[in-house]
């Protein structure tokens, strides 16, 4: 933060200035290129707008921020994008816009974006990403592929997240999109995908995304990272009285029978981020089977890990639930139930025993192998177990497996995400480093879904990771070997 910005913030904190004064200083800051001062002044105006219309906005607002609309494709020689672009107050909301606010405020255009409720179309990838995924499947068919870009480490990602507040996901790819909305082309070349909340809209005080990262061209796409838990709905597997998610797999913890899911499924933001000596960490958390259908407790939370923000390590969002009720047991011959409740054995999941920490594939295998593999992912809300196969002749699909979803598997590592978690008091972004992504479509309530390799040409099978969130058609997966290491600390 430069001296001019610090002075500007001090003056605004201690003195009152009228609209004309603030807008003139802001315009001058655009010309000079003082980004920190632009950020301070534009946020002051945004706060003034929110205070004036708070009563009508607070009921359905998700996010609000000052921004400008990129006009780089229309620039004449010598023009600067910031100077000629429209200045916006971006308002992200659920439901329809309420006609109680003006069209402009202090020379800012009010720009509303409606977000579908989570049980509707918000789970679908953006159209551009749909075309990219289709192209990848076509080019790689019938084989899957892995992408490993070691230079794209957590420290590179951390620097990008600090510079770009609306950056959602950083992901290596072998497909690059260009000219979407005009003459759309999809090229087979290595790139780094950067997903942002709104493509073409840049928060004031920030620069455009870089054209290259670690010497590799970037591809800007739209997508918002979200944890995949949900409120109470029909079809959930496990949860509390307020939230639900997916029972991902069974886990042997110090000789006790447990199951694995995501920590954010069972705990709120305040509990997840509480200090180690906070009394809330001692609160008993009862976990129920399909809570909306009845208060049938199946276990208690005994271990939880919610580590984030450290670019040097793998972020982990995981919880172990001790199976306490005598009404529940583990049957190796009936590990997953799909549409018509026909049983699927643990061997169909590539497991020798029910416990995923006894039989798992390491991160190095899934991210570096050229082996053909088949996987199964069963989410609580997906309502079926889906097989993604890279085998030319995948053979017989396990009973009641949805073979219509048989397609090449896309997986990439390392991946770094700024994942939003909503609560009654607002939302908060958590930086999750060194994850994987796979082209497995999650729905709300699927947080905790474990990914199982059921067959591979190298004979390695078992659980490879747990999905904790999603972004524009990708599922974000924490490698199981990193979860196990965290549980063993």
Protein backbone atom coordinates (compact mmCIF):
# COMPACT_ATOMS: atom_id res chain seq x y z
CA UNK A 1 0.00 0.00 0.00
CA UNK A 2 1.58 3.34 -1.07
CA UNK A 3 1.69 6.58 0.93
CA UNK A 4 -0.98 8.26 -1.18
CA UNK A 5 -3.40 5.41 -0.49
CA UNK A 6 -2.69 5.51 3.26
CA UNK A 7 -3.26 9.27 3.30
CA UNK A 8 -6.49 8.86 1.34
CA UNK A 9 -7.81 6.25 3.78
CA UNK A 10 -6.86 8.41 6.79
CA UNK A 11 -8.62 11.44 5.34
CA UNK A 12 -11.81 9.50 4.60
CA UNK A 13 -11.80 8.04 8.11
CA UNK A 14 -11.48 11.42 9.80
CA UNK A 15 -13.26 13.90 7.51
CA UNK A 16 -16.41 14.07 5.39
CA UNK A 17 -16.25 14.66 1.65
CA UNK A 18 -19.07 15.26 -0.78
CA UNK A 19 -19.84 13.24 -3.88
CA UNK A 20 -18.22 15.69 -6.29
CA UNK A 21 -14.90 15.70 -4.40
CA UNK A 22 -14.64 11.90 -4.16
CA UNK A 23 -15.53 11.27 -7.80
CA UNK A 24 -13.04 13.87 -9.04
CA UNK A 25 -10.19 12.40 -6.98
CA UNK A 26 -11.16 8.92 -8.18
CA UNK A 27 -11.08 10.02 -11.84
CA UNK A 28 -7.62 11.52 -11.31
CA UNK A 29 -6.46 8.28 -9.67
CA UNK A 30 -7.57 6.36 -12.77
CA UNK A 31 -5.38 8.60 -14.93
CA UNK A 32 -2.31 8.40 -12.70
CA UNK A 33 -2.71 4.66 -12.15
CA UNK A 34 -2.76 4.63 -8.34
CA UNK A 35 -4.45 1.25 -7.89
CA UNK A 36 -4.50 1.31 -4.09
CA UNK A 37 -6.11 4.76 -4.07
CA UNK A 38 -8.64 3.64 -6.71
CA UNK A 39 -9.50 0.67 -4.51
CA UNK A 40 -9.93 2.80 -1.39
CA UNK A 41 -12.13 5.43 -3.07
CA UNK A 42 -14.29 2.99 -5.05
CA UNK A 43 -14.97 0.92 -1.93
CA UNK A 44 -15.92 4.11 -0.06
CA UNK A 45 -18.53 4.84 -2.76
CA UNK A 46 -19.74 1.23 -2.72
CA UNK A 47 -20.21 1.35 1.05
CA UNK A 48 -22.16 4.60 0.72
CA UNK A 49 -24.44 2.91 -1.81
CA UNK A 50 -24.96 -0.13 0.40
CA UNK A 51 -25.73 1.98 3.48
CA UNK A 52 -28.36 3.92 1.55
CA UNK A 53 -30.13 0.83 0.14
CA UNK A 54 -29.24 -1.76 2.79
CA UNK A 55 -32.82 -2.66 3.68
CA UNK A 56 -33.71 -3.67 0.13
CA UNK A 57 -30.37 -5.33 -0.66
CA UNK A 58 -29.53 -7.42 2.39
CA UNK A 59 -32.30 -9.99 1.95
CA UNK A 60 -30.94 -11.55 -1.24
CA UNK A 61 -27.45 -10.15 -1.81
CA UNK A 62 -24.49 -12.56 -2.06
CA UNK A 63 -21.69 -10.17 -2.92
CA UNK A 64 -21.11 -6.53 -3.82
CA UNK A 65 -17.95 -4.86 -5.11
CA UNK A 66 -16.74 -2.01 -7.36
CA UNK A 67 -15.41 -3.08 -10.75
CA UNK A 68 -14.82 -2.06 -14.34
CA UNK A 69 -15.84 -3.82 -17.53
CA UNK A 70 -12.94 -4.91 -19.71
CA UNK A 71 -12.91 -3.20 -23.10
CA UNK A 72 -9.56 -4.43 -24.37
CA UNK A 73 -11.13 -5.85 -27.53
CA UNK A 74 -12.44 -2.37 -28.48
CA UNK A 75 -9.40 -0.23 -27.61
CA UNK A 76 -7.87 2.15 -30.12
CA UNK A 77 -4.10 2.49 -30.22
CA UNK A 78 -2.78 4.23 -27.11
CA UNK A 79 -5.99 3.86 -25.09
CA UNK A 80 -5.99 2.32 -21.62
CA UNK A 81 -8.73 -0.10 -20.67
CA UNK A 82 -9.35 1.39 -17.21
CA UNK A 83 -9.86 4.91 -18.58
CA UNK A 84 -12.45 4.01 -21.25
CA UNK A 85 -14.32 1.22 -19.47
CA UNK A 86 -17.64 1.45 -17.66
CA UNK A 87 -17.33 1.64 -13.89
CA UNK A 88 -19.68 -0.71 -12.08
CA UNK A 89 -21.03 -1.57 -8.68
CA UNK A 90 -21.48 -5.31 -9.12
CA UNK A 91 -24.34 -6.83 -7.13
CA UNK A 92 -24.55 -10.64 -6.99
CA UNK A 93 -27.95 -11.71 -5.72
CA UNK A 94 -30.25 -14.70 -5.36
CA UNK A 95 -33.58 -14.33 -7.08
CA UNK A 96 -34.85 -11.44 -9.14
CA UNK A 97 -33.54 -7.87 -8.91
CA UNK A 98 -35.71 -5.56 -6.83
CA UNK A 99 -36.62 -2.28 -8.52
CA UNK A 100 -35.81 -0.11 -5.53
CA UNK A 101 -32.35 1.11 -6.48
CA UNK A 102 -31.36 3.64 -9.16
CA UNK A 103 -29.71 2.80 -12.48
CA UNK A 104 -26.53 4.63 -11.48
CA UNK A 105 -24.90 5.81 -8.25
CA UNK A 106 -22.18 8.46 -8.20
CA UNK A 107 -21.19 7.80 -11.85
CA UNK A 108 -21.18 4.03 -11.26
CA UNK A 109 -23.57 1.83 -13.21
CA UNK A 110 -25.36 -0.71 -11.00
CA UNK A 111 -24.84 -4.14 -12.53
CA UNK A 112 -27.02 -6.96 -11.15
CA UNK A 113 -26.27 -10.64 -11.67
CA UNK A 114 -28.85 -13.21 -10.68
CA UNK A 115 -27.58 -16.47 -9.22
CA UNK A 116 -29.86 -19.49 -9.42
CA UNK A 117 -30.60 -21.14 -6.11
CA UNK A 118 -28.34 -24.07 -5.45
CA UNK A 119 -30.98 -26.68 -6.22
CA UNK A 120 -31.35 -25.37 -9.77
CA UNK A 121 -29.00 -24.57 -12.63
CA UNK A 122 -26.16 -23.03 -10.62
CA UNK A 123 -24.51 -26.43 -10.45
CA UNK A 124 -24.02 -26.56 -14.24
CA UNK A 125 -20.68 -25.45 -15.72
CA UNK A 126 -20.63 -22.27 -17.74
CA UNK A 127 -21.37 -22.85 -21.46
CA UNK A 128 -17.79 -22.16 -22.49
CA UNK A 129 -16.50 -24.77 -20.05
CA UNK A 130 -19.08 -27.28 -21.30
CA UNK A 131 -17.65 -26.95 -24.81
CA UNK A 132 -14.09 -27.33 -23.49
CA UNK A 133 -14.95 -30.50 -21.57
CA UNK A 134 -16.69 -31.94 -24.63
CA UNK A 135 -13.62 -31.16 -26.73
CA UNK A 136 -11.30 -32.81 -24.19
CA UNK A 137 -13.45 -35.93 -24.13
CA UNK A 138 -13.45 -36.06 -27.94
CA UNK A 139 -9.68 -35.57 -28.28
CA UNK A 140 -8.72 -38.01 -25.54
CA UNK A 141 -11.30 -40.72 -26.30
CA UNK A 142 -11.01 -43.58 -25.52
CA UNK A 143 -8.06 -42.87 -23.20
CA UNK A 144 -7.86 -40.67 -20.13
CA UNK A 145 -4.96 -38.36 -19.44
CA UNK A 146 -3.20 -36.69 -16.54
CA UNK A 147 -1.67 -33.22 -16.33
CA UNK A 148 1.11 -32.51 -13.87
CA UNK A 149 2.67 -29.06 -13.77
CA UNK A 150 5.09 -28.89 -10.81
CA UNK A 151 6.03 -25.26 -11.55
CA UNK A 152 2.44 -24.25 -10.70
CA UNK A 153 3.04 -24.64 -6.99
CA UNK A 154 1.22 -23.19 -3.99
CA UNK A 155 3.47 -20.12 -3.79
CA UNK A 156 2.71 -19.12 -7.38
CA UNK A 157 -0.99 -19.59 -6.61
CA UNK A 158 -0.75 -17.62 -3.36
CA UNK A 159 0.69 -14.63 -5.20
CA UNK A 160 -2.15 -14.74 -7.73
CA UNK A 161 -4.88 -14.98 -5.08
CA UNK A 162 -3.45 -11.93 -3.31
CA UNK A 163 -3.55 -9.88 -6.51
CA UNK A 164 -6.98 -11.04 -7.75
CA UNK A 165 -9.81 -11.20 -5.17
CA UNK A 166 -12.33 -12.81 -7.53
CA UNK A 167 -10.04 -15.60 -8.73
CA UNK A 168 -11.71 -18.96 -8.02
CA UNK A 169 -9.51 -21.71 -9.44
CA UNK A 170 -6.04 -22.16 -10.93
CA UNK A 171 -5.74 -25.29 -13.01
CA UNK A 172 -3.33 -26.69 -15.62
CA UNK A 173 -4.91 -27.83 -18.88
CA UNK A 174 -4.01 -29.12 -22.33
CA UNK A 175 -6.92 -27.29 -24.00
CA UNK A 176 -7.15 -23.51 -24.51
CA UNK A 177 -10.32 -21.59 -25.39
CA UNK A 178 -10.28 -18.43 -27.50
CA UNK A 179 -12.89 -16.01 -28.86
CA UNK A 180 -15.87 -17.34 -26.92
CA UNK A 181 -19.06 -15.45 -27.80
CA UNK A 182 -17.65 -14.44 -31.18
CA UNK A 183 -15.63 -16.93 -33.22
CA UNK A 184 -15.03 -19.61 -30.62
CA UNK A 185 -12.01 -21.86 -31.13
CA UNK A 186 -10.63 -24.55 -28.84
CA UNK A 187 -6.95 -25.34 -29.32
CA UNK A 188 -4.94 -28.32 -28.13
CA UNK A 189 -2.11 -26.59 -26.26
CA UNK A 190 -0.81 -26.42 -22.71
CA UNK A 191 -2.19 -23.53 -20.66
CA UNK A 192 -3.13 -22.48 -17.14
CA UNK A 193 -6.87 -22.04 -16.67
CA UNK A 194 -7.87 -19.12 -14.43
CA UNK A 195 -11.50 -19.22 -13.31
CA UNK A 196 -12.97 -15.92 -12.10
CA UNK A 197 -16.37 -14.99 -10.68
CA UNK A 198 -17.39 -12.87 -13.69
CA UNK A 199 -15.43 -13.03 -16.92
CA UNK A 200 -14.72 -9.56 -18.31
CA UNK A 201 -15.41 -7.77 -15.02
CA UNK A 202 -12.34 -6.70 -13.04
CA UNK A 203 -12.46 -5.40 -9.45
CA UNK A 204 -11.34 -1.78 -9.29
CA UNK A 205 -7.81 -1.46 -7.99
CA UNK A 206 -6.75 -4.70 -9.68
CA UNK A 207 -5.03 -5.39 -12.98
CA UNK A 208 -5.98 -7.81 -15.73
CA UNK A 209 -4.99 -11.43 -15.27
CA UNK A 210 -1.47 -12.19 -16.53
CA UNK A 211 -1.13 -13.49 -20.07
CA UNK A 212 1.45 -16.03 -18.91
CA UNK A 213 2.17 -17.89 -15.67
CA UNK A 214 5.45 -19.80 -15.18
CA UNK A 215 6.03 -19.28 -18.92
CA UNK A 216 2.72 -20.89 -19.93
CA UNK A 217 -0.19 -18.95 -21.52
CA UNK A 218 -3.34 -18.43 -19.47
CA UNK A 219 -6.96 -19.10 -20.38
CA UNK A 220 -9.57 -16.99 -18.56
CA UNK A 221 -12.83 -18.79 -17.78
CA UNK A 222 -15.85 -18.14 -15.59
CA UNK A 223 -16.60 -20.22 -12.51
CA UNK A 224 -17.18 -19.77 -8.80
CA UNK A 225 -15.72 -22.33 -6.38
CA UNK A 226 -18.25 -23.53 -3.84
CA UNK A 227 -18.19 -26.18 -1.17
CA UNK A 228 -20.68 -28.86 -2.12
CA UNK A 229 -22.65 -29.16 1.10
CA UNK A 230 -26.26 -28.05 1.33
CA UNK A 231 -29.15 -27.42 3.66
CA UNK A 232 -31.66 -30.16 4.44
CA UNK A 233 -33.08 -31.82 1.37
CA UNK A 234 -34.57 -35.15 0.43
CA UNK A 235 -31.96 -37.71 -0.53
CA UNK A 236 -29.07 -36.72 1.73
CA UNK A 237 -27.05 -39.47 3.32
CA UNK A 238 -25.57 -37.96 6.49
CA UNK A 239 -25.49 -34.63 8.32
CA UNK A 240 -26.61 -32.58 11.28
CA UNK A 241 -29.83 -30.70 11.97
CA UNK A 242 -28.63 -27.83 9.77
CA UNK A 243 -26.40 -29.26 7.03
CA UNK A 244 -25.94 -32.40 5.02
CA UNK A 245 -23.37 -34.11 2.83
CA UNK A 246 -22.12 -37.46 1.64
CA UNK A 247 -20.74 -40.45 3.49
CA UNK A 248 -17.60 -40.88 1.43
CA UNK A 249 -16.12 -44.12 2.69
CA UNK A 250 -15.47 -46.26 5.77
CA UNK A 251 -12.31 -45.62 7.76
CA UNK A 252 -10.46 -47.64 10.39
CA UNK A 253 -9.31 -45.13 13.03
CA UNK A 254 -7.33 -46.62 15.93
CA UNK A 255 -9.37 -49.81 15.64
CA UNK A 256 -12.72 -47.98 15.61
CA UNK A 257 -15.17 -48.18 12.73
CA UNK A 258 -15.73 -44.70 11.33
CA UNK A 259 -16.73 -43.01 8.12
CA UNK A 260 -15.17 -40.11 6.26
CA UNK A 261 -16.85 -36.93 5.05
CA UNK A 262 -15.95 -33.23 4.80
CA UNK A 263 -15.56 -31.13 7.94
CA UNK A 264 -17.59 -28.28 6.43
CA UNK A 265 -20.57 -30.66 6.10
CA UNK A 266 -20.81 -31.00 9.89
CA UNK A 267 -19.51 -27.66 11.20
CA UNK A 268 -20.15 -23.98 10.55
CA UNK A 269 -17.58 -21.36 9.63
CA UNK A 270 -16.99 -20.23 13.22
CA UNK A 271 -16.31 -23.78 14.41
CA UNK A 272 -14.11 -24.61 11.43
CA UNK A 273 -11.89 -21.59 12.02
CA UNK A 274 -11.92 -21.60 15.83
CA UNK A 275 -8.49 -21.54 17.58
CA UNK A 276 -7.20 -24.83 18.95
CA UNK A 277 -7.93 -23.74 22.53
CA UNK A 278 -11.49 -22.59 21.79
CA UNK A 279 -14.20 -24.31 23.85
CA UNK A 280 -16.35 -24.88 20.73
CA UNK A 281 -13.92 -27.60 19.69
CA UNK A 282 -15.16 -29.70 22.61
CA UNK A 283 -18.80 -29.51 21.55
CA UNK A 284 -20.35 -32.88 20.79
CA UNK A 285 -21.60 -33.16 17.22
CA UNK A 286 -24.22 -35.84 16.60
CA UNK A 287 -24.39 -37.07 13.02
CA UNK A 288 -27.60 -38.47 11.56
CA UNK A 289 -28.52 -40.65 8.64
CA UNK A 290 -30.72 -38.68 6.21
CA UNK A 291 -31.67 -36.06 8.83
CA UNK A 292 -34.71 -34.75 7.00
CA UNK A 293 -36.32 -38.17 7.13
CA UNK A 294 -35.90 -38.48 10.89
CA UNK A 295 -33.56 -37.87 13.82
CA UNK A 296 -31.78 -41.23 13.46
CA UNK A 297 -28.29 -40.76 14.87
CA UNK A 298 -25.62 -42.91 13.27
CA UNK A 299 -22.48 -41.57 14.95
CA UNK A 300 -20.49 -38.77 16.55
CA UNK A 301 -17.75 -36.54 15.19
CA UNK A 302 -14.43 -37.63 16.71
CA UNK A 303 -11.79 -36.04 14.45
CA UNK A 304 -11.88 -33.06 12.17
CA UNK A 305 -9.28 -31.25 10.08
CA UNK A 306 -9.83 -28.00 8.24
CA UNK A 307 -6.45 -26.74 7.07
CA UNK A 308 -6.21 -24.05 4.42
CA UNK A 309 -4.15 -21.08 3.30
CA UNK A 310 -0.71 -22.75 3.42
CA UNK A 311 0.73 -22.88 -0.13
CA UNK A 312 3.51 -25.27 0.98
CA UNK A 313 1.14 -28.11 1.89
CA UNK A 314 -2.07 -29.81 0.79
CA UNK A 315 -5.19 -28.22 2.26
CA UNK A 316 -7.48 -30.74 3.94
CA UNK A 317 -11.20 -30.53 4.71
CA UNK A 318 -12.06 -33.85 6.39
CA UNK A 319 -13.97 -35.30 9.32
CA UNK A 320 -14.19 -38.77 10.88
CA UNK A 321 -17.49 -39.91 12.39
CA UNK A 322 -17.43 -42.78 14.87
CA UNK A 323 -20.23 -45.25 14.09
CA UNK A 324 -21.88 -45.64 17.50
CA UNK A 325 -25.43 -46.79 16.91
CA UNK A 326 -26.03 -50.54 17.10
CA UNK A 327 -28.55 -50.12 14.29
CA UNK A 328 -25.75 -49.54 11.79
CA UNK A 329 -23.07 -51.90 10.64
CA UNK A 330 -20.78 -52.37 7.64
CA UNK A 331 -21.63 -55.08 5.11
CA UNK A 332 -18.87 -55.82 2.61
CA UNK A 333 -21.47 -57.24 0.23
CA UNK A 334 -23.59 -54.10 0.30
CA UNK A 335 -21.28 -51.07 0.21
CA UNK A 336 -23.26 -48.72 -2.06
CA UNK A 337 -26.94 -48.55 -2.84
CA UNK A 338 -28.01 -47.00 -6.12
CA UNK A 339 -31.35 -46.31 -7.75
CA UNK A 340 -33.13 -49.58 -7.10
CA UNK A 341 -31.21 -50.46 -3.91
CA UNK A 342 -29.37 -53.38 -5.48
CA UNK A 343 -26.18 -54.08 -3.49
CA UNK A 344 -22.66 -53.42 -4.74
CA UNK A 345 -19.75 -55.16 -3.01
CA UNK A 346 -16.54 -53.57 -1.80
CA UNK A 347 -14.67 -55.42 -4.57
CA UNK A 348 -16.68 -53.43 -7.11
CA UNK A 349 -15.06 -50.34 -5.58
CA UNK A 350 -11.57 -51.79 -5.99
CA UNK A 351 -11.32 -52.49 -2.24
CA UNK A 352 -10.08 -55.61 -0.48
CA UNK A 353 -11.72 -54.51 2.77
CA UNK A 354 -14.39 -51.89 3.57
CA UNK A 355 -11.85 -49.40 4.93
CA UNK A 356 -10.44 -46.91 2.45
CA UNK A 357 -7.29 -46.24 4.50
CA UNK A 358 -6.39 -49.93 4.14
CA UNK A 359 -6.69 -49.88 0.37
CA UNK A 360 -5.97 -46.65 -1.48
CA UNK A 361 -4.05 -45.26 -4.44
CA UNK A 362 -1.50 -42.59 -3.76
CA UNK A 363 -1.54 -39.14 -5.32
CA UNK A 364 1.63 -39.92 -7.30
CA UNK A 365 -0.20 -42.77 -9.05
CA UNK A 366 -3.32 -40.87 -10.07
CA UNK A 367 -1.43 -37.79 -11.25
CA UNK A 368 1.51 -39.35 -13.07
CA UNK A 369 0.25 -42.65 -14.42
CA UNK A 370 -0.38 -43.30 -18.09
CA UNK A 371 -2.41 -46.32 -17.06
CA UNK A 372 -5.96 -46.77 -18.24
CA UNK A 373 -8.30 -46.68 -15.29
CA UNK A 374 -11.98 -46.86 -14.37
CA UNK A 375 -13.42 -45.01 -11.40
CA UNK A 376 -16.66 -44.84 -9.44
CA UNK A 377 -17.96 -41.78 -7.59
CA UNK A 378 -21.21 -42.06 -5.64
CA UNK A 379 -22.63 -38.78 -4.31
CA UNK A 380 -25.58 -38.54 -1.95
CA UNK A 381 -27.44 -36.23 -4.31
CA UNK A 382 -26.20 -37.69 -7.57
CA UNK A 383 -28.55 -40.64 -6.95
CA UNK A 384 -26.32 -43.09 -8.82
CA UNK A 385 -22.78 -44.41 -8.89
CA UNK A 386 -21.10 -43.15 -12.03
CA UNK A 387 -18.30 -44.97 -13.81
CA UNK A 388 -15.73 -42.96 -15.76
CA UNK A 389 -13.71 -45.35 -17.85
CA UNK A 390 -10.63 -44.89 -19.99
CA UNK A 391 -10.52 -48.53 -21.05
CA UNK A 392 -11.20 -49.37 -24.67
CA UNK A 393 -13.09 -52.42 -23.47
CA UNK A 394 -14.23 -51.55 -19.94
CA UNK A 395 -16.03 -54.85 -19.56
CA UNK A 396 -19.15 -55.42 -17.55
CA UNK A 397 -20.26 -52.41 -15.52
CA UNK A 398 -21.15 -53.37 -11.90
CA UNK A 399 -24.82 -54.01 -11.19
CA UNK A 400 -26.95 -50.90 -11.64
CA UNK A 401 -23.96 -48.70 -12.42
CA UNK A 402 -24.97 -45.92 -14.78
CA UNK A 403 -23.00 -46.92 -17.88
CA UNK A 404 -24.37 -43.93 -19.82
CA UNK A 405 -21.79 -41.85 -17.97
CA UNK A 406 -18.93 -43.99 -19.24
CA UNK A 407 -16.44 -41.45 -20.64
CA UNK A 408 -12.76 -40.47 -20.52
CA UNK A 409 -11.56 -39.26 -17.15
CA UNK A 410 -9.90 -35.85 -16.95
CA UNK A 411 -7.62 -35.24 -13.98
CA UNK A 412 -5.19 -32.42 -13.27
CA UNK A 413 -2.74 -31.58 -10.46
CA UNK A 414 -1.76 -29.38 -8.71
CA UNK A 415 -4.90 -27.26 -8.47
CA UNK A 416 -5.45 -24.32 -6.12
CA UNK A 417 -8.88 -22.86 -5.32
CA UNK A 418 -10.50 -19.98 -3.47
CA UNK A 419 -13.59 -21.80 -2.25
CA UNK A 420 -16.62 -19.95 -0.87
CA UNK A 421 -18.49 -21.21 2.17
CA UNK A 422 -21.78 -19.50 2.96
CA UNK A 423 -23.33 -18.96 6.38
CA UNK A 424 -26.13 -16.92 7.91
CA UNK A 425 -23.68 -14.04 8.44
CA UNK A 426 -22.26 -14.02 4.91
CA UNK A 427 -19.69 -15.95 2.93
CA UNK A 428 -15.98 -16.48 3.36
CA UNK A 429 -13.35 -17.67 0.89
CA UNK A 430 -10.84 -20.34 1.89
CA UNK A 431 -7.65 -20.88 -0.11
CA UNK A 432 -7.33 -24.63 -0.74
CA UNK A 433 -3.91 -25.51 -2.13
CA UNK A 434 -2.47 -28.54 -3.95
CA UNK A 435 -5.72 -30.32 -4.78
CA UNK A 436 -6.72 -32.37 -7.85
CA UNK A 437 -9.59 -31.80 -10.25
CA UNK A 438 -11.63 -34.40 -12.12
CA UNK A 439 -14.47 -34.02 -14.60
CA UNK A 440 -17.02 -35.54 -12.21
CA UNK A 441 -20.22 -33.45 -11.91
CA UNK A 442 -21.08 -32.79 -8.27
CA UNK A 443 -24.41 -31.64 -6.96
CA UNK A 444 -25.15 -29.80 -3.73
CA UNK A 445 -24.94 -32.31 -0.91
CA UNK A 446 -22.18 -34.34 -2.59
CA UNK A 447 -19.37 -32.96 -0.41
CA UNK A 448 -17.52 -35.95 1.01
CA UNK A 449 -17.87 -38.11 -2.11
CA UNK A 450 -14.91 -40.46 -2.35
CA UNK A 451 -13.37 -41.36 -5.71
CA UNK A 452 -12.62 -45.08 -6.19
CA UNK A 453 -10.38 -46.62 -8.85
CA UNK A 454 -12.14 -49.89 -9.67
CA UNK A 455 -9.73 -51.18 -12.31
CA UNK A 456 -6.46 -50.14 -13.92
CA UNK A 457 -3.95 -51.69 -16.28
CA UNK A 458 -1.31 -51.33 -13.54
CA UNK A 459 -3.53 -53.33 -11.14
CA UNK A 460 -3.65 -50.50 -8.60
CA UNK A 461 -7.14 -49.96 -7.23
CA UNK A 462 -8.84 -48.36 -4.22
CA UNK A 463 -9.83 -44.92 -3.03
CA UNK A 464 -7.79 -42.04 -4.45
CA UNK A 465 -9.38 -38.98 -2.83
CA UNK A 466 -12.42 -37.14 -1.51
CA UNK A 467 -14.31 -34.42 -3.34
CA UNK A 468 -14.91 -31.31 -1.24
CA UNK A 469 -16.16 -28.73 -3.74
CA UNK A 470 -16.89 -27.97 -7.37
CA UNK A 471 -16.18 -25.28 -9.93
CA UNK A 472 -17.74 -24.98 -13.38
CA UNK A 473 -17.87 -28.70 -14.23
CA UNK A 474 -14.79 -29.74 -12.27
CA UNK A 475 -14.86 -31.55 -8.94
CA UNK A 476 -12.08 -30.46 -6.58
CA UNK A 477 -10.59 -33.51 -4.87
CA UNK A 478 -8.20 -33.84 -1.92
CA UNK A 479 -5.81 -36.81 -2.35
CA UNK A 480 -6.57 -39.53 0.20
CA UNK A 481 -2.92 -40.06 1.11
CA UNK A 482 -2.77 -36.41 2.25
CA UNK A 483 -5.97 -36.88 4.29
CA UNK A 484 -4.52 -40.00 5.94
CA UNK A 485 -1.27 -38.18 6.80
CA UNK A 486 -3.28 -35.35 8.35
CA UNK A 487 -5.39 -37.81 10.39
CA UNK A 488 -2.23 -39.55 11.66
CA UNK A 489 -0.61 -36.37 12.99
